[in-house]
Amino acid sequence: MRPMTACAGTIAILLFAAGPSLGADTKSASAPAADTAGTSKVDPDAIAALDKMGTELRSHGMFDMKADVTKEDVLDDGQKLTYAGTVQIQARRPDRFRISVVSDIKDREIFYNGKTVTIYSPRQGYYASFDGASNINDTLKIAEEKYGVELPLSDLFRWGTDPAMASRIKSAFLVRPAHINGQVCNHYAFRGERADFQIWIQQNGPALPCKLVITNRQDPSMPQYTSVMRWNFPTTIADSTFDFSPSPNNKKIQMAALVAERAKGAKP
């Protein structure tokens, strides 16, 4: 039975959007009533909670986020397999990040030093590089649009920066408060065009995300990706953190652009 890709961390947090600057209603604990009249089921307070969270994240010039993640893969017969791992993102705005993905299946290190993005596989000893832009957001676009690389939890860098994302949220409501890593976090549920996602946002103090669950509705088996996050905001992160220095045993391979690959497969 061949494992089928279910919901990778690279598509995590598909549809977060900016919203009105209103406080979230922390008293409601139930889903909205059925939309029999065709009106919107989007609670503006839930959207406001995302806006507040995005504003909080963008207010930090540096962060070091560590997450425990689980991902479901689905076999051809519909049986689900769950894999666990960790993701660490170290970022220094506007033009540095390092992402480490570690699990029993694979390890990846992704470096961006303001000029170049390097993706490194420690177990295999291979790495590939491509030119980035002068800032994180534009570099993420190059990675996705030119090379088909969506970085784990990459929307941490972009929450609330694209107002058009609001139109993609079809349902949004507060579920109830819950305890995550010893903190009280408000549990919100959202439905997007292709996925459902749940986000737990710290109730008291900074509006930081505590936990994220993505359900991929494009797959009939609806596999999930879960991330439980812990945040740290250092006062400095050394430049060397974001530079990749290959060892003599490492081998560089070519990063193939999507346009070139599609051209090769095109029929005359």
C-alpha atoms as a PDB file:
ATOM      1  CA  MET A   1       0.000   0.000   0.000  1.00  0.00           C
ATOM      2  CA  ARG A   2       1.463   3.317  -1.101  1.00  0.00           C
ATOM      3  CA  PRO A   3       1.237   6.214   1.381  1.00  0.00           C
ATOM      4  CA  MET A   4      -0.635   9.137  -0.136  1.00  0.00           C
ATOM      5  CA  THR A   5       0.313  12.680   0.829  1.00  0.00           C
ATOM      6  CA  ALA A   6      -2.388  14.045   3.088  1.00  0.00           C
ATOM      7  CA  CYS A   7      -1.916  17.484   4.579  1.00  0.00           C
ATOM      8  CA  ALA A   8       1.681  18.615   4.800  1.00  0.00           C
ATOM      9  CA  GLY A   9       2.878  21.304   7.144  1.00  0.00           C
ATOM     10  CA  THR A  10       3.690  23.361   4.089  1.00  0.00           C
ATOM     11  CA  ILE A  11      -0.008  24.112   3.549  1.00  0.00           C
ATOM     12  CA  ALA A  12      -0.629  24.828   7.210  1.00  0.00           C
ATOM     13  CA  ILE A  13      -2.513  28.034   7.959  1.00  0.00           C
ATOM     14  CA  LEU A  14      -4.016  28.492   4.500  1.00  0.00           C
ATOM     15  CA  LEU A  15      -6.414  31.347   4.970  1.00  0.00           C
ATOM     16  CA  PHE A  16      -5.659  33.736   7.838  1.00  0.00           C
ATOM     17  CA  ALA A  17      -6.905  37.220   7.169  1.00  0.00           C
ATOM     18  CA  ALA A  18      -7.005  40.778   8.396  1.00  0.00           C
ATOM     19  CA  GLY A  19     -10.214  41.862  10.080  1.00  0.00           C
ATOM     20  CA  PRO A  20     -11.763  44.733  12.027  1.00  0.00           C
ATOM     21  CA  SER A  21      -9.988  45.675  15.230  1.00  0.00           C
ATOM     22  CA  LEU A  22     -12.624  44.331  17.588  1.00  0.00           C
ATOM     23  CA  GLY A  23     -12.067  42.234  20.714  1.00  0.00           C
ATOM     24  CA  ALA A  24     -13.019  38.555  20.487  1.00  0.00           C
ATOM     25  CA  ASP A  25     -16.096  37.380  22.399  1.00  0.00           C
ATOM     26  CA  THR A  26     -14.675  34.914  24.906  1.00  0.00           C
ATOM     27  CA  LYS A  27     -18.078  33.971  26.335  1.00  0.00           C
ATOM     28  CA  SER A  28     -19.615  32.215  23.353  1.00  0.00           C
ATOM     29  CA  ALA A  29     -19.039  28.452  23.268  1.00  0.00           C
ATOM     30  CA  SER A  30     -21.189  27.216  20.406  1.00  0.00           C
ATOM     31  CA  ALA A  31     -21.226  27.239  16.628  1.00  0.00           C
ATOM     32  CA  PRO A  32     -23.356  29.816  14.802  1.00  0.00           C
ATOM     33  CA  ALA A  33     -26.880  28.952  13.762  1.00  0.00           C
ATOM     34  CA  ALA A  34     -27.478  27.297  10.397  1.00  0.00           C
ATOM     35  CA  ASP A  35     -27.314  29.723   7.494  1.00  0.00           C
ATOM     36  CA  THR A  36     -30.796  29.047   6.123  1.00  0.00           C
ATOM     37  CA  ALA A  37     -31.178  32.518   4.662  1.00  0.00           C
ATOM     38  CA  GLY A  38     -27.875  32.445   2.790  1.00  0.00           C
ATOM     39  CA  THR A  39     -26.308  35.073   5.031  1.00  0.00           C
ATOM     40  CA  SER A  40     -22.713  34.925   6.168  1.00  0.00           C
ATOM     41  CA  LYS A  41     -21.711  32.558   8.972  1.00  0.00           C
ATOM     42  CA  VAL A  42     -18.508  34.471   9.591  1.00  0.00           C
ATOM     43  CA  ASP A  43     -18.380  35.880  13.116  1.00  0.00           C
ATOM     44  CA  PRO A  44     -16.576  39.235  12.863  1.00  0.00           C
ATOM     45  CA  ASP A  45     -15.147  38.739  16.354  1.00  0.00           C
ATOM     46  CA  ALA A  46     -13.410  35.547  15.194  1.00  0.00           C
ATOM     47  CA  ILE A  47     -11.886  37.415  12.257  1.00  0.00           C
ATOM     48  CA  ALA A  48     -10.878  40.188  14.645  1.00  0.00           C
ATOM     49  CA  ALA A  49      -9.076  37.598  16.775  1.00  0.00           C
ATOM     50  CA  LEU A  50      -6.988  36.600  13.742  1.00  0.00           C
ATOM     51  CA  ASP A  51      -6.280  40.246  13.012  1.00  0.00           C
ATOM     52  CA  LYS A  52      -5.131  40.784  16.599  1.00  0.00           C
ATOM     53  CA  MET A  53      -2.935  37.698  16.428  1.00  0.00           C
ATOM     54  CA  GLY A  54      -1.365  38.806  13.147  1.00  0.00           C
ATOM     55  CA  THR A  55      -0.689  42.266  14.543  1.00  0.00           C
ATOM     56  CA  GLU A  56       0.988  40.732  17.583  1.00  0.00           C
ATOM     57  CA  LEU A  57       3.246  38.504  15.480  1.00  0.00           C
ATOM     58  CA  ARG A  58       4.254  41.345  13.161  1.00  0.00           C
ATOM     59  CA  SER A  59       5.153  43.496  16.151  1.00  0.00           C
ATOM     60  CA  HIS A  60       8.172  41.314  16.906  1.00  0.00           C
ATOM     61  CA  GLY A  61      11.337  41.903  14.918  1.00  0.00           C
ATOM     62  CA  MET A  62      12.701  38.522  15.990  1.00  0.00           C
ATOM     63  CA  PHE A  63      11.192  35.284  17.195  1.00  0.00           C
ATOM     64  CA  ASP A  64      12.149  31.690  17.876  1.00  0.00           C
ATOM     65  CA  MET A  65       9.129  29.398  17.597  1.00  0.00           C
ATOM     66  CA  LYS A  66       9.244  25.670  18.365  1.00  0.00           C
ATOM     67  CA  ALA A  67       6.346  23.361  17.592  1.00  0.00           C
ATOM     68  CA  ASP A  68       5.469  19.738  18.153  1.00  0.00           C
ATOM     69  CA  VAL A  69       3.701  18.571  15.014  1.00  0.00           C
ATOM     70  CA  THR A  70       1.759  15.524  13.881  1.00  0.00           C
ATOM     71  CA  LYS A  71       0.751  14.740  10.322  1.00  0.00           C
ATOM     72  CA  GLU A  72      -1.600  12.114   8.944  1.00  0.00           C
ATOM     73  CA  ASP A  73      -0.874  10.145   5.782  1.00  0.00           C
ATOM     74  CA  VAL A  74      -3.554   8.004   4.181  1.00  0.00           C
ATOM     75  CA  LEU A  75      -3.011   4.600   2.580  1.00  0.00           C
ATOM     76  CA  ASP A  76      -4.754   3.538  -0.603  1.00  0.00           C
ATOM     77  CA  ASP A  77      -7.327   1.588   1.414  1.00  0.00           C
ATOM     78  CA  GLY A  78      -8.176   4.629   3.552  1.00  0.00           C
ATOM     79  CA  GLN A  79      -6.245   3.651   6.679  1.00  0.00           C
ATOM     80  CA  LYS A  80      -4.554   6.623   8.345  1.00  0.00           C
ATOM     81  CA  LEU A  81      -0.985   6.703   9.618  1.00  0.00           C
ATOM     82  CA  THR A  82       0.214   9.417  12.011  1.00  0.00           C
ATOM     83  CA  TYR A  83       3.764  10.757  12.069  1.00  0.00           C
ATOM     84  CA  ALA A  84       5.251  13.107  14.648  1.00  0.00           C
ATOM     85  CA  GLY A  85       8.092  15.590  14.541  1.00  0.00           C
ATOM     86  CA  THR A  86       9.194  19.103  15.415  1.00  0.00           C
ATOM     87  CA  VAL A  87       9.450  22.406  13.560  1.00  0.00           C
ATOM     88  CA  GLN A  88      11.609  25.318  14.678  1.00  0.00           C
ATOM     89  CA  ILE A  89      11.458  28.728  13.008  1.00  0.00           C
ATOM     90  CA  GLN A  90      13.998  31.402  13.851  1.00  0.00           C
ATOM     91  CA  ALA A  91      13.327  34.701  12.122  1.00  0.00           C
ATOM     92  CA  ARG A  92      14.744  38.190  12.080  1.00  0.00           C
ATOM     93  CA  ARG A  93      12.713  40.665  10.090  1.00  0.00           C
ATOM     94  CA  PRO A  94      12.834  41.821   7.408  1.00  0.00           C
ATOM     95  CA  ASP A  95      15.256  39.455   5.696  1.00  0.00           C
ATOM     96  CA  ARG A  96      16.399  36.410   7.708  1.00  0.00           C
ATOM     97  CA  PHE A  97      14.959  33.052   8.660  1.00  0.00           C
ATOM     98  CA  ARG A  98      15.993  29.503   9.451  1.00  0.00           C
ATOM     99  CA  ILE A  99      13.558  26.593   9.549  1.00  0.00           C
ATOM    100  CA  SER A 100      14.358  23.154  10.951  1.00  0.00           C
ATOM    101  CA  VAL A 101      12.021  20.199  10.359  1.00  0.00           C
ATOM    102  CA  VAL A 102      12.905  16.996  12.223  1.00  0.00           C
ATOM    103  CA  SER A 103      11.039  13.688  12.276  1.00  0.00           C
ATOM    104  CA  ASP A 104      11.720   9.980  12.009  1.00  0.00           C
ATOM    105  CA  ILE A 105      10.905  10.221   8.292  1.00  0.00           C
ATOM    106  CA  LYS A 106      13.046  13.164   7.215  1.00  0.00           C
ATOM    107  CA  ASP A 107      15.114  16.124   8.362  1.00  0.00           C
ATOM    108  CA  ARG A 108      15.304  19.443   6.552  1.00  0.00           C
ATOM    109  CA  GLU A 109      17.161  22.690   7.248  1.00  0.00           C
ATOM    110  CA  ILE A 110      16.115  25.809   5.333  1.00  0.00           C
ATOM    111  CA  PHE A 111      18.319  28.910   5.481  1.00  0.00           C
ATOM    112  CA  TYR A 112      17.615  32.416   4.191  1.00  0.00           C
ATOM    113  CA  ASN A 113      20.368  34.985   4.813  1.00  0.00           C
ATOM    114  CA  GLY A 114      18.871  37.974   3.029  1.00  0.00           C
ATOM    115  CA  LYS A 115      20.149  36.899  -0.384  1.00  0.00           C
ATOM    116  CA  THR A 116      20.059  33.134  -0.845  1.00  0.00           C
ATOM    117  CA  VAL A 117      17.718  30.329   0.228  1.00  0.00           C
ATOM    118  CA  THR A 118      19.353  26.951   0.845  1.00  0.00           C
ATOM    119  CA  ILE A 119      17.463  23.714   1.487  1.00  0.00           C
ATOM    120  CA  TYR A 120      19.602  21.054   3.156  1.00  0.00           C
ATOM    121  CA  SER A 121      18.964  17.379   3.876  1.00  0.00           C
ATOM    122  CA  PRO A 122      21.324  16.388   6.746  1.00  0.00           C
ATOM    123  CA  ARG A 123      20.665  12.650   6.442  1.00  0.00           C
ATOM    124  CA  GLN A 124      21.433  12.541   2.728  1.00  0.00           C
ATOM    125  CA  GLY A 125      24.067  15.273   2.705  1.00  0.00           C
ATOM    126  CA  TYR A 126      22.513  17.079  -0.276  1.00  0.00           C
ATOM    127  CA  TYR A 127      21.642  20.754  -0.547  1.00  0.00           C
ATOM    128  CA  ALA A 128      20.224  23.106  -3.175  1.00  0.00           C
ATOM    129  CA  SER A 129      20.102  26.897  -3.322  1.00  0.00           C
ATOM    130  CA  PHE A 130      18.262  29.636  -5.178  1.00  0.00           C
ATOM    131  CA  ASP A 131      18.271  33.426  -5.123  1.00  0.00           C
ATOM    132  CA  GLY A 132      15.816  35.012  -2.712  1.00  0.00           C
ATOM    133  CA  ALA A 133      14.486  38.555  -2.578  1.00  0.00           C
ATOM    134  CA  SER A 134      15.423  41.349  -0.189  1.00  0.00           C
ATOM    135  CA  ASN A 135      12.701  40.463   2.332  1.00  0.00           C
ATOM    136  CA  ILE A 136      10.939  37.440   3.792  1.00  0.00           C
ATOM    137  CA  ASN A 137       7.528  37.861   2.133  1.00  0.00           C
ATOM    138  CA  ASP A 138       8.890  38.228  -1.408  1.00  0.00           C
ATOM    139  CA  THR A 139      11.297  35.348  -0.828  1.00  0.00           C
ATOM    140  CA  LEU A 140       8.395  33.095   0.191  1.00  0.00           C
ATOM    141  CA  LYS A 141       6.614  34.035  -3.047  1.00  0.00           C
ATOM    142  CA  ILE A 142       9.683  33.106  -5.114  1.00  0.00           C
ATOM    143  CA  ALA A 143       9.960  29.780  -3.314  1.00  0.00           C
ATOM    144  CA  GLU A 144       6.312  28.922  -3.938  1.00  0.00           C
ATOM    145  CA  GLU A 145       5.713  30.368  -7.399  1.00  0.00           C
ATOM    146  CA  LYS A 146       9.029  29.611  -9.083  1.00  0.00           C
ATOM    147  CA  TYR A 147      10.126  26.402  -7.342  1.00  0.00           C
ATOM    148  CA  GLY A 148       6.943  24.961  -5.858  1.00  0.00           C
ATOM    149  CA  VAL A 149       8.418  25.054  -2.351  1.00  0.00           C
ATOM    150  CA  GLU A 150       5.962  25.960   0.402  1.00  0.00           C
ATOM    151  CA  LEU A 151       7.861  26.326   3.654  1.00  0.00           C
ATOM    152  CA  PRO A 152       6.493  24.823   6.891  1.00  0.00           C
ATOM    153  CA  LEU A 153       4.184  27.226   8.728  1.00  0.00           C
ATOM    154  CA  SER A 154       5.276  29.946   6.307  1.00  0.00           C
ATOM    155  CA  ASP A 155       2.142  32.015   6.871  1.00  0.00           C
ATOM    156  CA  LEU A 156       3.545  32.910  10.283  1.00  0.00           C
ATOM    157  CA  PHE A 157       5.375  35.603   8.301  1.00  0.00           C
ATOM    158  CA  ARG A 158       2.267  36.826   6.458  1.00  0.00           C
ATOM    159  CA  TRP A 159      -0.779  36.747   8.702  1.00  0.00           C
ATOM    160  CA  GLY A 160      -2.955  39.788   8.197  1.00  0.00           C
ATOM    161  CA  THR A 161      -0.954  41.257   5.311  1.00  0.00           C
ATOM    162  CA  ASP A 162      -3.383  40.270   2.510  1.00  0.00           C
ATOM    163  CA  PRO A 163      -6.956  41.586   2.978  1.00  0.00           C
ATOM    164  CA  ALA A 164      -8.143  39.378   0.076  1.00  0.00           C
ATOM    165  CA  MET A 165      -7.753  36.349   2.323  1.00  0.00           C
ATOM    166  CA  ALA A 166     -10.873  37.412   4.236  1.00  0.00           C
ATOM    167  CA  SER A 167     -13.087  36.519   1.270  1.00  0.00           C
ATOM    168  CA  ARG A 168     -11.857  32.923   1.390  1.00  0.00           C
ATOM    169  CA  ILE A 169     -13.142  32.311   4.903  1.00  0.00           C
ATOM    170  CA  LYS A 170     -16.647  30.863   4.644  1.00  0.00           C
ATOM    171  CA  SER A 171     -17.288  30.190   8.324  1.00  0.00           C
ATOM    172  CA  ALA A 172     -15.701  31.468  11.543  1.00  0.00           C
ATOM    173  CA  PHE A 173     -16.730  31.168  15.175  1.00  0.00           C
ATOM    174  CA  LEU A 174     -15.446  30.879  18.729  1.00  0.00           C
ATOM    175  CA  VAL A 175     -15.688  27.364  20.186  1.00  0.00           C
ATOM    176  CA  ARG A 176     -14.623  27.849  23.825  1.00  0.00           C
ATOM    177  CA  PRO A 177     -11.535  28.486  25.967  1.00  0.00           C
ATOM    178  CA  ALA A 178      -9.131  25.560  26.401  1.00  0.00           C
ATOM    179  CA  HIS A 179      -5.844  24.853  28.171  1.00  0.00           C
ATOM    180  CA  ILE A 180      -2.762  24.463  25.959  1.00  0.00           C
ATOM    181  CA  ASN A 181       0.683  24.075  27.568  1.00  0.00           C
ATOM    182  CA  GLY A 182      -0.619  25.490  30.841  1.00  0.00           C
ATOM    183  CA  GLN A 183      -2.163  28.584  29.194  1.00  0.00           C
ATOM    184  CA  VAL A 184      -5.799  29.463  28.609  1.00  0.00           C
ATOM    185  CA  CYS A 185      -6.293  29.855  24.862  1.00  0.00           C
ATOM    186  CA  ASN A 186      -9.482  30.725  22.961  1.00  0.00           C
ATOM    187  CA  HIS A 187     -10.395  27.982  20.484  1.00  0.00           C
ATOM    188  CA  TYR A 188     -11.649  29.251  17.101  1.00  0.00           C
ATOM    189  CA  ALA A 189     -12.915  27.231  14.137  1.00  0.00           C
ATOM    190  CA  PHE A 190     -12.756  28.372  10.503  1.00  0.00           C
ATOM    191  CA  ARG A 191     -13.778  26.957   7.153  1.00  0.00           C
ATOM    192  CA  GLY A 192     -11.922  27.961   4.022  1.00  0.00           C
ATOM    193  CA  GLU A 193     -12.285  27.055   0.365  1.00  0.00           C
ATOM    194  CA  ARG A 194     -10.153  23.928   0.573  1.00  0.00           C
ATOM    195  CA  ALA A 195      -9.559  23.267   4.252  1.00  0.00           C
ATOM    196  CA  ASP A 196     -10.976  23.613   7.720  1.00  0.00           C
ATOM    197  CA  PHE A 197      -8.668  24.992  10.361  1.00  0.00           C
ATOM    198  CA  GLN A 198      -8.796  25.489  14.087  1.00  0.00           C
ATOM    199  CA  ILE A 199      -6.613  27.936  15.967  1.00  0.00           C
ATOM    200  CA  TRP A 200      -6.145  28.373  19.694  1.00  0.00           C
ATOM    201  CA  ILE A 201      -5.074  31.938  20.595  1.00  0.00           C
ATOM    202  CA  GLN A 202      -3.712  32.947  23.981  1.00  0.00           C
ATOM    203  CA  GLN A 203      -6.510  34.566  25.954  1.00  0.00           C
ATOM    204  CA  ASN A 204      -4.526  36.710  28.390  1.00  0.00           C
ATOM    205  CA  GLY A 205      -1.473  38.742  27.445  1.00  0.00           C
ATOM    206  CA  PRO A 206      -0.047  38.686  23.899  1.00  0.00           C
ATOM    207  CA  ALA A 207      -2.445  37.236  21.299  1.00  0.00           C
ATOM    208  CA  LEU A 208      -0.075  34.423  20.277  1.00  0.00           C
ATOM    209  CA  PRO A 209      -1.198  31.201  18.565  1.00  0.00           C
ATOM    210  CA  CYS A 210      -0.973  28.217  20.906  1.00  0.00           C
ATOM    211  CA  LYS A 211      -2.146  25.418  18.638  1.00  0.00           C
ATOM    212  CA  LEU A 212      -3.196  24.870  15.034  1.00  0.00           C
ATOM    213  CA  VAL A 213      -5.152  22.026  13.397  1.00  0.00           C
ATOM    214  CA  ILE A 214      -5.676  21.860   9.618  1.00  0.00           C
ATOM    215  CA  THR A 215      -8.170  19.453   8.043  1.00  0.00           C
ATOM    216  CA  ASN A 216      -7.684  18.895   4.310  1.00  0.00           C
ATOM    217  CA  ARG A 217     -11.159  18.692   2.748  1.00  0.00           C
ATOM    218  CA  GLN A 218      -9.762  18.100  -0.746  1.00  0.00           C
ATOM    219  CA  ASP A 219      -8.906  14.559   0.327  1.00  0.00           C
ATOM    220  CA  PRO A 220     -12.041  12.423   1.002  1.00  0.00           C
ATOM    221  CA  SER A 221     -10.303  10.897   4.037  1.00  0.00           C
ATOM    222  CA  MET A 222      -9.849  14.421   5.503  1.00  0.00           C
ATOM    223  CA  PRO A 223      -6.370  14.003   7.029  1.00  0.00           C
ATOM    224  CA  GLN A 224      -5.150  16.489   9.606  1.00  0.00           C
ATOM    225  CA  TYR A 225      -2.004  18.406  10.461  1.00  0.00           C
ATOM    226  CA  THR A 226      -1.527  19.557  14.072  1.00  0.00           C
ATOM    227  CA  SER A 227       1.019  21.983  15.504  1.00  0.00           C
ATOM    228  CA  VAL A 228       1.393  22.919  19.181  1.00  0.00           C
ATOM    229  CA  MET A 229       3.565  26.032  19.429  1.00  0.00           C
ATOM    230  CA  ARG A 230       5.880  27.591  22.003  1.00  0.00           C
ATOM    231  CA  TRP A 231       7.168  31.150  21.507  1.00  0.00           C
ATOM    232  CA  ASN A 232      10.340  32.947  22.484  1.00  0.00           C
ATOM    233  CA  PHE A 233      11.348  36.490  21.537  1.00  0.00           C
ATOM    234  CA  PRO A 234      15.127  36.936  21.841  1.00  0.00           C
ATOM    235  CA  THR A 235      16.756  40.339  21.741  1.00  0.00           C
ATOM    236  CA  THR A 236      19.298  39.196  19.156  1.00  0.00           C
ATOM    237  CA  ILE A 237      19.949  36.329  16.754  1.00  0.00           C
ATOM    238  CA  ALA A 238      23.427  36.080  15.232  1.00  0.00           C
ATOM    239  CA  ASP A 239      23.899  36.384  11.458  1.00  0.00           C
ATOM    240  CA  SER A 240      25.620  32.994  11.452  1.00  0.00           C
ATOM    241  CA  THR A 241      22.310  31.350  12.400  1.00  0.00           C
ATOM    242  CA  PHE A 242      20.966  32.095   8.925  1.00  0.00           C
ATOM    243  CA  ASP A 243      24.057  31.136   6.901  1.00  0.00           C
ATOM    244  CA  PHE A 244      24.520  27.637   5.505  1.00  0.00           C
ATOM    245  CA  SER A 245      28.112  26.354   5.553  1.00  0.00           C
ATOM    246  CA  PRO A 246      28.449  23.019   3.737  1.00  0.00           C
ATOM    247  CA  SER A 247      30.940  20.427   4.897  1.00  0.00           C
ATOM    248  CA  PRO A 248      33.351  18.738   2.454  1.00  0.00           C
ATOM    249  CA  ASN A 249      31.047  15.703   2.389  1.00  0.00           C
ATOM    250  CA  ASN A 250      27.969  17.658   1.355  1.00  0.00           C
ATOM    251  CA  LYS A 251      26.904  17.617  -2.277  1.00  0.00           C
ATOM    252  CA  LYS A 252      25.186  20.484  -4.087  1.00  0.00           C
ATOM    253  CA  ILE A 253      22.351  19.633  -6.472  1.00  0.00           C
ATOM    254  CA  GLN A 254      20.454  21.839  -8.921  1.00  0.00           C
ATOM    255  CA  MET A 255      17.207  23.515  -7.880  1.00  0.00           C
ATOM    256  CA  ALA A 256      14.782  22.988 -10.765  1.00  0.00           C
ATOM    257  CA  ALA A 257      12.342  25.806 -11.522  1.00  0.00           C
ATOM    258  CA  LEU A 258       8.687  24.902 -12.102  1.00  0.00           C
ATOM    259  CA  VAL A 259       8.589  26.718 -15.443  1.00  0.00           C
ATOM    260  CA  ALA A 260      11.494  24.658 -16.779  1.00  0.00           C
ATOM    261  CA  GLU A 261       9.983  21.396 -15.545  1.00  0.00           C
ATOM    262  CA  ARG A 262       6.613  22.187 -17.091  1.00  0.00           C
ATOM    263  CA  ALA A 263       8.280  23.134 -20.374  1.00  0.00           C
ATOM    264  CA  LYS A 264      10.031  19.763 -20.504  1.00  0.00           C
ATOM    265  CA  GLY A 265       6.740  17.944 -20.124  1.00  0.00           C
ATOM    266  CA  ALA A 266       4.829  20.082 -22.590  1.00  0.00           C
ATOM    267  CA  LYS A 267       3.621  18.419 -25.781  1.00  0.00           C
ATOM    268  CA  PRO A 268       4.673  19.941 -29.117  1.00  0.00           C
END
